[in-house]
Amino acid sequence: MMGWFSSNQDNQMFLATIEPKDVQIQQYLGVVNGEAIIGANIFRDMFSSIRDIVGGRASGYESALAGARQAALDDMIAGAKKMGANGVIGIDFDYEVLGETNGMMMVSVSGTAIIL
């Protein structure tokens, strides 16, 4: 079975990027989504610029992006649970740069809430 389980808020939630063939879906409830926006930090920007010059990974950005991705996922799961779902399939993440000076990044995630 392809997918993973999240134990967010003391309940398990089935999550999958596709519609698994070996999972029986009782009901499709509708589209759910979650978003998180992070701002660029001047010190993180400065150290990332230095890191770009000498090589390596920008761990400050990676950590911020991972946190935003998890926050968006948690937001989507909460929306699915409000609909009475115990799973979300067709999950898709999108990333956008926002602001006049591209000073913010938005992570959005969407999927279809289901009852297994």
PDB file of N, CA and C in Angstrom:
ATOM      1  N   MET A   1       0.846  -1.166   0.000  1.00  0.00           N
ATOM      2  CA  MET A   1       0.000   0.000   0.000  1.00  0.00           C
ATOM      3  C   MET A   1       0.896   1.234   0.000  1.00  0.00           C
ATOM      4  N   MET A   2       0.656   2.144  -0.935  1.00  0.00           N
ATOM      5  CA  MET A   2       1.420   3.383  -0.984  1.00  0.00           C
ATOM      6  C   MET A   2       0.694   4.430  -0.168  1.00  0.00           C
ATOM      7  N   GLY A   3       1.420   5.169   0.640  1.00  0.00           N
ATOM      8  CA  GLY A   3       0.835   6.209   1.468  1.00  0.00           C
ATOM      9  C   GLY A   3       1.553   6.242   2.793  1.00  0.00           C
ATOM     10  N   TRP A   4       1.173   7.158   3.619  1.00  0.00           N
ATOM     11  CA  TRP A   4       1.746   7.212   4.947  1.00  0.00           C
ATOM     12  C   TRP A   4       0.684   7.673   5.917  1.00  0.00           C
ATOM     13  N   PHE A   5       0.959   7.459   7.180  1.00  0.00           N
ATOM     14  CA  PHE A   5       0.008   7.836   8.217  1.00  0.00           C
ATOM     15  C   PHE A   5       0.585   8.970   9.040  1.00  0.00           C
ATOM     16  N   SER A   6      -0.254   9.912   9.362  1.00  0.00           N
ATOM     17  CA  SER A   6       0.112  11.012  10.241  1.00  0.00           C
ATOM     18  C   SER A   6      -0.667  10.852  11.532  1.00  0.00           C
ATOM     19  N   SER A   7      -0.005  11.013  12.659  1.00  0.00           N
ATOM     20  CA  SER A   7      -0.700  10.892  13.936  1.00  0.00           C
ATOM     21  C   SER A   7      -0.980  12.269  14.521  1.00  0.00           C
ATOM     22  N   ASN A   8      -1.252  13.227  13.650  1.00  0.00           N
ATOM     23  CA  ASN A   8      -1.559  14.600  14.059  1.00  0.00           C
ATOM     24  C   ASN A   8      -2.825  14.628  14.907  1.00  0.00           C
ATOM     25  N   GLN A   9      -2.799  15.342  16.032  1.00  0.00           N
ATOM     26  CA  GLN A   9      -3.950  15.551  16.910  1.00  0.00           C
ATOM     27  C   GLN A   9      -4.534  14.236  17.426  1.00  0.00           C
ATOM     28  N   ASP A  10      -3.683  13.294  17.799  1.00  0.00           N
ATOM     29  CA  ASP A  10      -4.055  12.032  18.435  1.00  0.00           C
ATOM     30  C   ASP A  10      -4.883  11.085  17.563  1.00  0.00           C
ATOM     31  N   ASN A  11      -5.132  11.396  16.329  1.00  0.00           N
ATOM     32  CA  ASN A  11      -5.850  10.501  15.411  1.00  0.00           C
ATOM     33  C   ASN A  11      -4.931  10.205  14.243  1.00  0.00           C
ATOM     34  N   GLN A  12      -5.068   9.010  13.686  1.00  0.00           N
ATOM     35  CA  GLN A  12      -4.287   8.715  12.500  1.00  0.00           C
ATOM     36  C   GLN A  12      -5.030   9.193  11.260  1.00  0.00           C
ATOM     37  N   MET A  13      -4.258   9.681  10.309  1.00  0.00           N
ATOM     38  CA  MET A  13      -4.806  10.167   9.049  1.00  0.00           C
ATOM     39  C   MET A  13      -4.012   9.512   7.933  1.00  0.00           C
ATOM     40  N   PHE A  14      -4.691   8.888   6.978  1.00  0.00           N
ATOM     41  CA  PHE A  14      -4.027   8.282   5.832  1.00  0.00           C
ATOM     42  C   PHE A  14      -3.768   9.375   4.805  1.00  0.00           C
ATOM     43  N   LEU A  15      -2.530   9.462   4.324  1.00  0.00           N
ATOM     44  CA  LEU A  15      -2.142  10.470   3.343  1.00  0.00           C
ATOM     45  C   LEU A  15      -1.455   9.783   2.168  1.00  0.00           C
ATOM     46  N   ALA A  16      -1.784  10.217   0.952  1.00  0.00           N
ATOM     47  CA  ALA A  16      -1.150   9.634  -0.233  1.00  0.00           C
ATOM     48  C   ALA A  16      -1.091  10.665  -1.349  1.00  0.00           C
ATOM     49  N   THR A  17      -0.047  10.596  -2.143  1.00  0.00           N
ATOM     50  CA  THR A  17       0.088  11.507  -3.274  1.00  0.00           C
ATOM     51  C   THR A  17      -0.677  11.011  -4.497  1.00  0.00           C
ATOM     52  N   ILE A  18      -1.119   9.764  -4.464  1.00  0.00           N
ATOM     53  CA  ILE A  18      -1.910   9.188  -5.545  1.00  0.00           C
ATOM     54  C   ILE A  18      -3.176   8.574  -4.943  1.00  0.00           C
ATOM     55  N   GLU A  19      -4.051   8.061  -5.789  1.00  0.00           N
ATOM     56  CA  GLU A  19      -5.189   7.293  -5.288  1.00  0.00           C
ATOM     57  C   GLU A  19      -4.769   5.827  -5.299  1.00  0.00           C
ATOM     58  N   PRO A  20      -4.464   5.277  -4.142  1.00  0.00           N
ATOM     59  CA  PRO A  20      -3.956   3.904  -4.094  1.00  0.00           C
ATOM     60  C   PRO A  20      -5.000   2.894  -4.576  1.00  0.00           C
ATOM     61  N   LYS A  21      -4.544   1.930  -5.345  1.00  0.00           N
ATOM     62  CA  LYS A  21      -5.452   0.911  -5.884  1.00  0.00           C
ATOM     63  C   LYS A  21      -5.846  -0.118  -4.836  1.00  0.00           C
ATOM     64  N   ASP A  22      -5.021  -0.289  -3.800  1.00  0.00           N
ATOM     65  CA  ASP A  22      -5.295  -1.315  -2.799  1.00  0.00           C
ATOM     66  C   ASP A  22      -5.992  -0.765  -1.555  1.00  0.00           C
ATOM     67  N   VAL A  23      -6.529   0.438  -1.631  1.00  0.00           N
ATOM     68  CA  VAL A  23      -7.267   1.041  -0.521  1.00  0.00           C
ATOM     69  C   VAL A  23      -8.699   1.269  -0.969  1.00  0.00           C
ATOM     70  N   GLN A  24      -9.645   0.780  -0.188  1.00  0.00           N
ATOM     71  CA  GLN A  24     -11.050   0.958  -0.538  1.00  0.00           C
ATOM     72  C   GLN A  24     -11.558   2.273   0.043  1.00  0.00           C
ATOM     73  N   ILE A  25     -11.992   3.164  -0.841  1.00  0.00           N
ATOM     74  CA  ILE A  25     -12.495   4.471  -0.432  1.00  0.00           C
ATOM     75  C   ILE A  25     -14.018   4.407  -0.375  1.00  0.00           C
ATOM     76  N   GLN A  26     -14.560   4.757   0.797  1.00  0.00           N
ATOM     77  CA  GLN A  26     -16.013   4.721   0.969  1.00  0.00           C
ATOM     78  C   GLN A  26     -16.682   5.991   0.444  1.00  0.00           C
ATOM     79  N   GLN A  27     -16.009   7.159   0.644  1.00  0.00           N
ATOM     80  CA  GLN A  27     -16.641   8.417   0.228  1.00  0.00           C
ATOM     81  C   GLN A  27     -15.575   9.471  -0.048  1.00  0.00           C
ATOM     82  N   TYR A  28     -15.803  10.240  -1.105  1.00  0.00           N
ATOM     83  CA  TYR A  28     -14.972  11.399  -1.417  1.00  0.00           C
ATOM     84  C   TYR A  28     -15.689  12.614  -0.839  1.00  0.00           C
ATOM     85  N   LEU A  29     -14.992  13.403  -0.017  1.00  0.00           N
ATOM     86  CA  LEU A  29     -15.631  14.521   0.670  1.00  0.00           C
ATOM     87  C   LEU A  29     -15.368  15.874   0.025  1.00  0.00           C
ATOM     88  N   GLY A  30     -14.335  15.999  -0.748  1.00  0.00           N
ATOM     89  CA  GLY A  30     -14.035  17.272  -1.405  1.00  0.00           C
ATOM     90  C   GLY A  30     -12.584  17.683  -1.243  1.00  0.00           C
ATOM     91  N   VAL A  31     -12.252  18.785  -1.869  1.00  0.00           N
ATOM     92  CA  VAL A  31     -10.888  19.302  -1.864  1.00  0.00           C
ATOM     93  C   VAL A  31     -10.605  20.007  -0.546  1.00  0.00           C
ATOM     94  N   VAL A  32      -9.423  19.757  -0.004  1.00  0.00           N
ATOM     95  CA  VAL A  32      -8.944  20.452   1.198  1.00  0.00           C
ATOM     96  C   VAL A  32      -7.575  21.049   0.881  1.00  0.00           C
ATOM     97  N   ASN A  33      -7.240  22.113   1.585  1.00  0.00           N
ATOM     98  CA  ASN A  33      -5.935  22.725   1.354  1.00  0.00           C
ATOM     99  C   ASN A  33      -5.386  23.326   2.630  1.00  0.00           C
ATOM    100  N   GLY A  34      -4.129  23.640   2.601  1.00  0.00           N
ATOM    101  CA  GLY A  34      -3.445  24.309   3.701  1.00  0.00           C
ATOM    102  C   GLY A  34      -2.369  25.200   3.132  1.00  0.00           C
ATOM    103  N   GLU A  35      -2.101  26.303   3.811  1.00  0.00           N
ATOM    104  CA  GLU A  35      -1.081  27.233   3.362  1.00  0.00           C
ATOM    105  C   GLU A  35      -0.228  27.688   4.538  1.00  0.00           C
ATOM    106  N   ALA A  36       0.996  28.045   4.231  1.00  0.00           N
ATOM    107  CA  ALA A  36       1.893  28.664   5.211  1.00  0.00           C
ATOM    108  C   ALA A  36       2.791  29.627   4.452  1.00  0.00           C
ATOM    109  N   ILE A  37       2.990  30.802   5.032  1.00  0.00           N
ATOM    110  CA  ILE A  37       3.851  31.813   4.414  1.00  0.00           C
ATOM    111  C   ILE A  37       4.992  32.116   5.377  1.00  0.00           C
ATOM    112  N   ILE A  38       6.207  32.086   4.848  1.00  0.00           N
ATOM    113  CA  ILE A  38       7.373  32.416   5.662  1.00  0.00           C
ATOM    114  C   ILE A  38       8.043  33.638   5.067  1.00  0.00           C
ATOM    115  N   GLY A  39       8.570  34.488   5.925  1.00  0.00           N
ATOM    116  CA  GLY A  39       9.301  35.674   5.493  1.00  0.00           C
ATOM    117  C   GLY A  39      10.786  35.407   5.501  1.00  0.00           C
ATOM    118  N   ALA A  40      11.478  36.070   4.611  1.00  0.00           N
ATOM    119  CA  ALA A  40      12.931  35.945   4.563  1.00  0.00           C
ATOM    120  C   ALA A  40      13.531  36.775   5.690  1.00  0.00           C
ATOM    121  N   ASN A  41      14.476  36.213   6.373  1.00  0.00           N
ATOM    122  CA  ASN A  41      15.155  36.864   7.484  1.00  0.00           C
ATOM    123  C   ASN A  41      16.473  37.442   6.980  1.00  0.00           C
ATOM    124  N   ILE A  42      16.757  38.696   7.310  1.00  0.00           N
ATOM    125  CA  ILE A  42      17.963  39.349   6.784  1.00  0.00           C
ATOM    126  C   ILE A  42      19.249  38.612   7.184  1.00  0.00           C
ATOM    127  N   PHE A  43      19.315  38.081   8.416  1.00  0.00           N
ATOM    128  CA  PHE A  43      20.525  37.371   8.840  1.00  0.00           C
ATOM    129  C   PHE A  43      20.637  36.029   8.124  1.00  0.00           C
ATOM    130  N   ARG A  44      19.511  35.340   7.952  1.00  0.00           N
ATOM    131  CA  ARG A  44      19.530  34.071   7.228  1.00  0.00           C
ATOM    132  C   ARG A  44      19.947  34.342   5.781  1.00  0.00           C
ATOM    133  N   ASP A  45      19.444  35.437   5.186  1.00  0.00           N
ATOM    134  CA  ASP A  45      19.829  35.806   3.826  1.00  0.00           C
ATOM    135  C   ASP A  45      21.328  36.060   3.722  1.00  0.00           C
ATOM    136  N   MET A  46      21.866  36.791   4.703  1.00  0.00           N
ATOM    137  CA  MET A  46      23.282  37.129   4.682  1.00  0.00           C
ATOM    138  C   MET A  46      24.136  35.860   4.759  1.00  0.00           C
ATOM    139  N   PHE A  47      23.800  34.958   5.697  1.00  0.00           N
ATOM    140  CA  PHE A  47      24.590  33.736   5.836  1.00  0.00           C
ATOM    141  C   PHE A  47      24.393  32.798   4.654  1.00  0.00           C
ATOM    142  N   SER A  48      23.210  32.804   4.053  1.00  0.00           N
ATOM    143  CA  SER A  48      22.988  31.978   2.863  1.00  0.00           C
ATOM    144  C   SER A  48      23.816  32.494   1.699  1.00  0.00           C
ATOM    145  N   SER A  49      23.952  33.827   1.588  1.00  0.00           N
ATOM    146  CA  SER A  49      24.775  34.399   0.523  1.00  0.00           C
ATOM    147  C   SER A  49      26.222  33.977   0.687  1.00  0.00           C
ATOM    148  N   ILE A  50      26.717  34.012   1.918  1.00  0.00           N
ATOM    149  CA  ILE A  50      28.093  33.579   2.182  1.00  0.00           C
ATOM    150  C   ILE A  50      28.238  32.097   1.843  1.00  0.00           C
ATOM    151  N   ARG A  51      27.249  31.305   2.238  1.00  0.00           N
ATOM    152  CA  ARG A  51      27.289  29.865   1.970  1.00  0.00           C
ATOM    153  C   ARG A  51      27.290  29.614   0.467  1.00  0.00           C
ATOM    154  N   ASP A  52      26.507  30.425  -0.300  1.00  0.00           N
ATOM    155  CA  ASP A  52      26.481  30.266  -1.753  1.00  0.00           C
ATOM    156  C   ASP A  52      27.858  30.507  -2.366  1.00  0.00           C
ATOM    157  N   ILE A  53      28.598  31.452  -1.799  1.00  0.00           N
ATOM    158  CA  ILE A  53      29.921  31.773  -2.319  1.00  0.00           C
ATOM    159  C   ILE A  53      30.902  30.637  -2.039  1.00  0.00           C
ATOM    160  N   VAL A  54      30.882  30.098  -0.818  1.00  0.00           N
ATOM    161  CA  VAL A  54      31.844  29.056  -0.447  1.00  0.00           C
ATOM    162  C   VAL A  54      31.321  27.646  -0.716  1.00  0.00           C
ATOM    163  N   GLY A  55      30.074  27.521  -1.087  1.00  0.00           N
ATOM    164  CA  GLY A  55      29.492  26.217  -1.379  1.00  0.00           C
ATOM    165  C   GLY A  55      28.799  25.627  -0.175  1.00  0.00           C
ATOM    166  N   GLY A  56      27.989  24.633  -0.403  1.00  0.00           N
ATOM    167  CA  GLY A  56      27.267  23.978   0.683  1.00  0.00           C
ATOM    168  C   GLY A  56      25.777  24.264   0.626  1.00  0.00           C
ATOM    169  N   ARG A  57      25.095  23.804   1.635  1.00  0.00           N
ATOM    170  CA  ARG A  57      23.641  23.940   1.685  1.00  0.00           C
ATOM    171  C   ARG A  57      23.256  25.083   2.617  1.00  0.00           C
ATOM    172  N   ALA A  58      22.163  25.743   2.284  1.00  0.00           N
ATOM    173  CA  ALA A  58      21.656  26.848   3.105  1.00  0.00           C
ATOM    174  C   ALA A  58      20.698  26.264   4.138  1.00  0.00           C
ATOM    175  N   SER A  59      21.238  25.800   5.255  1.00  0.00           N
ATOM    176  CA  SER A  59      20.433  25.083   6.246  1.00  0.00           C
ATOM    177  C   SER A  59      19.366  25.964   6.889  1.00  0.00           C
ATOM    178  N   GLY A  60      19.597  27.257   7.011  1.00  0.00           N
ATOM    179  CA  GLY A  60      18.584  28.155   7.570  1.00  0.00           C
ATOM    180  C   GLY A  60      17.329  28.167   6.717  1.00  0.00           C
ATOM    181  N   TYR A  61      17.501  28.275   5.410  1.00  0.00           N
ATOM    182  CA  TYR A  61      16.358  28.236   4.503  1.00  0.00           C
ATOM    183  C   TYR A  61      15.702  26.867   4.497  1.00  0.00           C
ATOM    184  N   GLU A  62      16.531  25.809   4.515  1.00  0.00           N
ATOM    185  CA  GLU A  62      15.976  24.456   4.510  1.00  0.00           C
ATOM    186  C   GLU A  62      15.103  24.213   5.729  1.00  0.00           C
ATOM    187  N   SER A  63      15.551  24.663   6.898  1.00  0.00           N
ATOM    188  CA  SER A  63      14.767  24.491   8.126  1.00  0.00           C
ATOM    189  C   SER A  63      13.467  25.283   8.070  1.00  0.00           C
ATOM    190  N   ALA A  64      13.552  26.526   7.601  1.00  0.00           N
ATOM    191  CA  ALA A  64      12.352  27.366   7.497  1.00  0.00           C
ATOM    192  C   ALA A  64      11.358  26.767   6.509  1.00  0.00           C
ATOM    193  N   LEU A  65      11.850  26.269   5.398  1.00  0.00           N
ATOM    194  CA  LEU A  65      10.978  25.674   4.392  1.00  0.00           C
ATOM    195  C   LEU A  65      10.338  24.388   4.904  1.00  0.00           C
ATOM    196  N   ALA A  66      11.098  23.567   5.617  1.00  0.00           N
ATOM    197  CA  ALA A  66      10.544  22.338   6.194  1.00  0.00           C
ATOM    198  C   ALA A  66       9.452  22.661   7.206  1.00  0.00           C
ATOM    199  N   GLY A  67       9.662  23.688   8.018  1.00  0.00           N
ATOM    200  CA  GLY A  67       8.644  24.104   8.984  1.00  0.00           C
ATOM    201  C   GLY A  67       7.384  24.604   8.302  1.00  0.00           C
ATOM    202  N   ALA A  68       7.545  25.381   7.238  1.00  0.00           N
ATOM    203  CA  ALA A  68       6.386  25.884   6.493  1.00  0.00           C
ATOM    204  C   ALA A  68       5.635  24.744   5.816  1.00  0.00           C
ATOM    205  N   ARG A  69       6.369  23.789   5.271  1.00  0.00           N
ATOM    206  CA  ARG A  69       5.733  22.636   4.617  1.00  0.00           C
ATOM    207  C   ARG A  69       4.918  21.835   5.632  1.00  0.00           C
ATOM    208  N   GLN A  70       5.467  21.620   6.831  1.00  0.00           N
ATOM    209  CA  GLN A  70       4.745  20.874   7.863  1.00  0.00           C
ATOM    210  C   GLN A  70       3.527  21.653   8.346  1.00  0.00           C
ATOM    211  N   ALA A  71       3.658  22.968   8.484  1.00  0.00           N
ATOM    212  CA  ALA A  71       2.521  23.800   8.918  1.00  0.00           C
ATOM    213  C   ALA A  71       1.392  23.742   7.888  1.00  0.00           C
ATOM    214  N   ALA A  72       1.735  23.789   6.602  1.00  0.00           N
ATOM    215  CA  ALA A  72       0.714  23.705   5.546  1.00  0.00           C
ATOM    216  C   ALA A  72       0.043  22.333   5.576  1.00  0.00           C
ATOM    217  N   LEU A  73       0.823  21.280   5.760  1.00  0.00           N
ATOM    218  CA  LEU A  73       0.280  19.931   5.832  1.00  0.00           C
ATOM    219  C   LEU A  73      -0.651  19.775   7.037  1.00  0.00           C
ATOM    220  N   ASP A  74      -0.229  20.300   8.199  1.00  0.00           N
ATOM    221  CA  ASP A  74      -1.063  20.243   9.402  1.00  0.00           C
ATOM    222  C   ASP A  74      -2.375  20.998   9.194  1.00  0.00           C
ATOM    223  N   ASP A  75      -2.315  22.139   8.503  1.00  0.00           N
ATOM    224  CA  ASP A  75      -3.505  22.939   8.206  1.00  0.00           C
ATOM    225  C   ASP A  75      -4.473  22.151   7.314  1.00  0.00           C
ATOM    226  N   MET A  76      -3.938  21.462   6.306  1.00  0.00           N
ATOM    227  CA  MET A  76      -4.774  20.669   5.417  1.00  0.00           C
ATOM    228  C   MET A  76      -5.415  19.500   6.165  1.00  0.00           C
ATOM    229  N   ILE A  77      -4.642  18.825   7.006  1.00  0.00           N
ATOM    230  CA  ILE A  77      -5.159  17.694   7.780  1.00  0.00           C
ATOM    231  C   ILE A  77      -6.278  18.158   8.708  1.00  0.00           C
ATOM    232  N   ALA A  78      -6.093  19.321   9.345  1.00  0.00           N
ATOM    233  CA  ALA A  78      -7.137  19.856  10.230  1.00  0.00           C
ATOM    234  C   ALA A  78      -8.421  20.123   9.448  1.00  0.00           C
ATOM    235  N   GLY A  79      -8.304  20.650   8.245  1.00  0.00           N
ATOM    236  CA  GLY A  79      -9.474  20.892   7.406  1.00  0.00           C
ATOM    237  C   GLY A  79     -10.169  19.599   7.014  1.00  0.00           C
ATOM    238  N   ALA A  80      -9.384  18.574   6.718  1.00  0.00           N
ATOM    239  CA  ALA A  80      -9.963  17.278   6.353  1.00  0.00           C
ATOM    240  C   ALA A  80     -10.701  16.666   7.539  1.00  0.00           C
ATOM    241  N   LYS A  81     -10.129  16.783   8.726  1.00  0.00           N
ATOM    242  CA  LYS A  81     -10.777  16.228   9.916  1.00  0.00           C
ATOM    243  C   LYS A  81     -12.083  16.949  10.227  1.00  0.00           C
ATOM    244  N   LYS A  82     -12.134  18.261   9.972  1.00  0.00           N
ATOM    245  CA  LYS A  82     -13.382  19.010  10.168  1.00  0.00           C
ATOM    246  C   LYS A  82     -14.487  18.505   9.248  1.00  0.00           C
ATOM    247  N   MET A  83     -14.103  17.974   8.091  1.00  0.00           N
ATOM    248  CA  MET A  83     -15.073  17.414   7.146  1.00  0.00           C
ATOM    249  C   MET A  83     -15.459  15.987   7.518  1.00  0.00           C
ATOM    250  N   GLY A  84     -14.775  15.403   8.504  1.00  0.00           N
ATOM    251  CA  GLY A  84     -15.042  14.029   8.913  1.00  0.00           C
ATOM    252  C   GLY A  84     -14.188  13.003   8.193  1.00  0.00           C
ATOM    253  N   ALA A  85     -13.134  13.443   7.526  1.00  0.00           N
ATOM    254  CA  ALA A  85     -12.270  12.547   6.759  1.00  0.00           C
ATOM    255  C   ALA A  85     -11.290  11.812   7.674  1.00  0.00           C
ATOM    256  N   ASN A  86     -10.856  10.645   7.208  1.00  0.00           N
ATOM    257  CA  ASN A  86      -9.761   9.943   7.866  1.00  0.00           C
ATOM    258  C   ASN A  86      -8.620   9.687   6.892  1.00  0.00           C
ATOM    259  N   GLY A  87      -8.666  10.412   5.766  1.00  0.00           N
ATOM    260  CA  GLY A  87      -7.601  10.317   4.784  1.00  0.00           C
ATOM    261  C   GLY A  87      -7.648  11.462   3.794  1.00  0.00           C
ATOM    262  N   VAL A  88      -6.507  11.676   3.139  1.00  0.00           N
ATOM    263  CA  VAL A  88      -6.403  12.660   2.064  1.00  0.00           C
ATOM    264  C   VAL A  88      -5.557  12.027   0.970  1.00  0.00           C
ATOM    265  N   ILE A  89      -6.069  12.048  -0.254  1.00  0.00           N
ATOM    266  CA  ILE A  89      -5.332  11.498  -1.388  1.00  0.00           C
ATOM    267  C   ILE A  89      -5.085  12.589  -2.416  1.00  0.00           C
ATOM    268  N   GLY A  90      -4.199  12.306  -3.350  1.00  0.00           N
ATOM    269  CA  GLY A  90      -3.892  13.266  -4.412  1.00  0.00           C
ATOM    270  C   GLY A  90      -3.178  14.491  -3.891  1.00  0.00           C
ATOM    271  N   ILE A  91      -2.362  14.319  -2.859  1.00  0.00           N
ATOM    272  CA  ILE A  91      -1.685  15.453  -2.226  1.00  0.00           C
ATOM    273  C   ILE A  91      -0.655  16.050  -3.181  1.00  0.00           C
ATOM    274  N   ASP A  92      -0.678  17.390  -3.257  1.00  0.00           N
ATOM    275  CA  ASP A  92       0.243  18.120  -4.123  1.00  0.00           C
ATOM    276  C   ASP A  92       0.743  19.363  -3.395  1.00  0.00           C
ATOM    277  N   PHE A  93       2.053  19.553  -3.358  1.00  0.00           N
ATOM    278  CA  PHE A  93       2.653  20.740  -2.748  1.00  0.00           C
ATOM    279  C   PHE A  93       3.031  21.733  -3.839  1.00  0.00           C
ATOM    280  N   ASP A  94       2.811  23.019  -3.563  1.00  0.00           N
ATOM    281  CA  ASP A  94       3.232  24.092  -4.468  1.00  0.00           C
ATOM    282  C   ASP A  94       4.011  25.120  -3.661  1.00  0.00           C
ATOM    283  N   TYR A  95       4.961  25.766  -4.309  1.00  0.00           N
ATOM    284  CA  TYR A  95       5.806  26.772  -3.674  1.00  0.00           C
ATOM    285  C   TYR A  95       5.775  28.026  -4.530  1.00  0.00           C
ATOM    286  N   GLU A  96       5.555  29.186  -3.909  1.00  0.00           N
ATOM    287  CA  GLU A  96       5.520  30.461  -4.619  1.00  0.00           C
ATOM    288  C   GLU A  96       6.306  31.504  -3.848  1.00  0.00           C
ATOM    289  N   VAL A  97       6.988  32.366  -4.562  1.00  0.00           N
ATOM    290  CA  VAL A  97       7.671  33.506  -3.964  1.00  0.00           C
ATOM    291  C   VAL A  97       6.720  34.682  -4.037  1.00  0.00           C
ATOM    292  N   LEU A  98       6.553  35.406  -2.905  1.00  0.00           N
ATOM    293  CA  LEU A  98       5.597  36.502  -2.810  1.00  0.00           C
ATOM    294  C   LEU A  98       6.279  37.793  -2.388  1.00  0.00           C
ATOM    295  N   GLY A  99       5.587  38.896  -2.576  1.00  0.00           N
ATOM    296  CA  GLY A  99       6.056  40.200  -2.119  1.00  0.00           C
ATOM    297  C   GLY A  99       6.748  40.967  -3.224  1.00  0.00           C
ATOM    298  N   GLU A 100       6.782  42.285  -3.039  1.00  0.00           N
ATOM    299  CA  GLU A 100       7.402  43.153  -4.044  1.00  0.00           C
ATOM    300  C   GLU A 100       8.866  42.830  -4.259  1.00  0.00           C
ATOM    301  N   THR A 101       9.551  42.490  -3.182  1.00  0.00           N
ATOM    302  CA  THR A 101      10.984  42.174  -3.285  1.00  0.00           C
ATOM    303  C   THR A 101      11.237  40.682  -3.126  1.00  0.00           C
ATOM    304  N   ASN A 102      10.209  39.881  -3.363  1.00  0.00           N
ATOM    305  CA  ASN A 102      10.311  38.424  -3.214  1.00  0.00           C
ATOM    306  C   ASN A 102      10.785  38.047  -1.815  1.00  0.00           C
ATOM    307  N   GLY A 103      10.282  38.768  -0.800  1.00  0.00           N
ATOM    308  CA  GLY A 103      10.731  38.580   0.567  1.00  0.00           C
ATOM    309  C   GLY A 103       9.983  37.501   1.331  1.00  0.00           C
ATOM    310  N   MET A 104       9.009  36.855   0.701  1.00  0.00           N
ATOM    311  CA  MET A 104       8.245  35.819   1.391  1.00  0.00           C
ATOM    312  C   MET A 104       8.077  34.610   0.474  1.00  0.00           C
ATOM    313  N   MET A 105       7.883  33.470   1.099  1.00  0.00           N
ATOM    314  CA  MET A 105       7.611  32.258   0.337  1.00  0.00           C
ATOM    315  C   MET A 105       6.355  31.610   0.882  1.00  0.00           C
ATOM    316  N   MET A 106       5.476  31.171  -0.025  1.00  0.00           N
ATOM    317  CA  MET A 106       4.256  30.484   0.364  1.00  0.00           C
ATOM    318  C   MET A 106       4.370  29.015  -0.020  1.00  0.00           C
ATOM    319  N   VAL A 107       4.016  28.168   0.922  1.00  0.00           N
ATOM    320  CA  VAL A 107       3.901  26.736   0.668  1.00  0.00           C
ATOM    321  C   VAL A 107       2.423  26.411   0.767  1.00  0.00           C
ATOM    322  N   SER A 108       1.884  25.811  -0.276  1.00  0.00           N
ATOM    323  CA  SER A 108       0.485  25.396  -0.226  1.00  0.00           C
ATOM    324  C   SER A 108       0.405  23.903  -0.565  1.00  0.00           C
ATOM    325  N   VAL A 109      -0.560  23.247   0.046  1.00  0.00           N
ATOM    326  CA  VAL A 109      -0.769  21.828  -0.187  1.00  0.00           C
ATOM    327  C   VAL A 109      -2.258  21.608  -0.360  1.00  0.00           C
ATOM    328  N   SER A 110      -2.608  20.734  -1.277  1.00  0.00           N
ATOM    329  CA  SER A 110      -4.025  20.417  -1.481  1.00  0.00           C
ATOM    330  C   SER A 110      -4.173  18.930  -1.755  1.00  0.00           C
ATOM    331  N   GLY A 111      -5.385  18.458  -1.568  1.00  0.00           N
ATOM    332  CA  GLY A 111      -5.697  17.052  -1.812  1.00  0.00           C
ATOM    333  C   GLY A 111      -7.189  16.845  -1.700  1.00  0.00           C
ATOM    334  N   THR A 112      -7.623  15.607  -1.833  1.00  0.00           N
ATOM    335  CA  THR A 112      -9.031  15.246  -1.732  1.00  0.00           C
ATOM    336  C   THR A 112      -9.263  14.502  -0.433  1.00  0.00           C
ATOM    337  N   ALA A 113     -10.146  15.051   0.391  1.00  0.00           N
ATOM    338  CA  ALA A 113     -10.494  14.413   1.666  1.00  0.00           C
ATOM    339  C   ALA A 113     -11.363  13.200   1.387  1.00  0.00           C
ATOM    340  N   ILE A 114     -11.100  12.099   2.094  1.00  0.00           N
ATOM    341  CA  ILE A 114     -11.840  10.854   1.878  1.00  0.00           C
ATOM    342  C   ILE A 114     -12.169  10.192   3.219  1.00  0.00           C
ATOM    343  N   ILE A 115     -13.098   9.265   3.143  1.00  0.00           N
ATOM    344  CA  ILE A 115     -13.361   8.359   4.245  1.00  0.00           C
ATOM    345  C   ILE A 115     -12.993   6.967   3.752  1.00  0.00           C
ATOM    346  N   LEU A 116     -12.117   6.301   4.474  1.00  0.00           N
ATOM    347  CA  LEU A 116     -11.703   4.936   4.124  1.00  0.00           C
ATOM    348  C   LEU A 116     -12.712   3.945   4.640  1.00  0.00           C
TER     349      LEU A 116
END
